[in-house]
Amino acid sequence: MTPIRIILLSLLAIWLVLGLAMLVPENSSVRGVRHAEHSAMIQGGDGLVRHGPLLWYGLVFAVLQLLVIVGLLSLGLRSPSRSPCVIPMLTGFLLLLMVFAVIFLSYGAFMTESRIILLGPFPVPTTFMVFGIWAASFYFVFLYVMNFQQLVFSLEDADKFQRLLDDRREVQEDGE
């Protein structure tokens, strides 16, 4: 399947997931409750009650967003369906997917735990959100930097481009 089809199908699926998520009934604590000591402040209340019904919609939404992002990254590669970049791009997608799955699963567990477990300076889901996503995304930076000539713009492409420029200059000079 070509990257453009993956992108378009993912975007259609995103619309479907968002539409289904909007049909989930709103419970009474979604808008928050008044704080016991500070009446001007509204606090969220029970996270599991508020977010539990929508958590899986969020995970599906994240997976579809990752498909769109990796699909868009693949558009810049040379013939993505036939090139050796399919496995590295799939690896990057799976790496990001694992990070997002850990975020969602740890957030689900975080909502049910009575005590907060810290990983580094933050609770576990926040730590993976802050540090895990950019670290996993760095894989694509590494992939592009180390394989730019093979996957994106080779020396042969540079030579062809230079010949096109030279031909165009000759045509322009002949026309003047």
Foldseek 3Di string as FASTA:
>chain_A
DALVVLQVVLVVVLVVLVVVLVPPDADDQLVFDADPPDRVDGDRPQPCVHCVVCLVSVLSNVLSVLSNVLSVVLVQWDPSVPAPCPVLSVVLSVQLNVLSVQLSVQVNVCSVDPDFDDDPPHGRSVCSVVPVNVVSVVSVVCVCVVCVQPIHNNPVNVVVVVVVVVVVVVVVVVVD
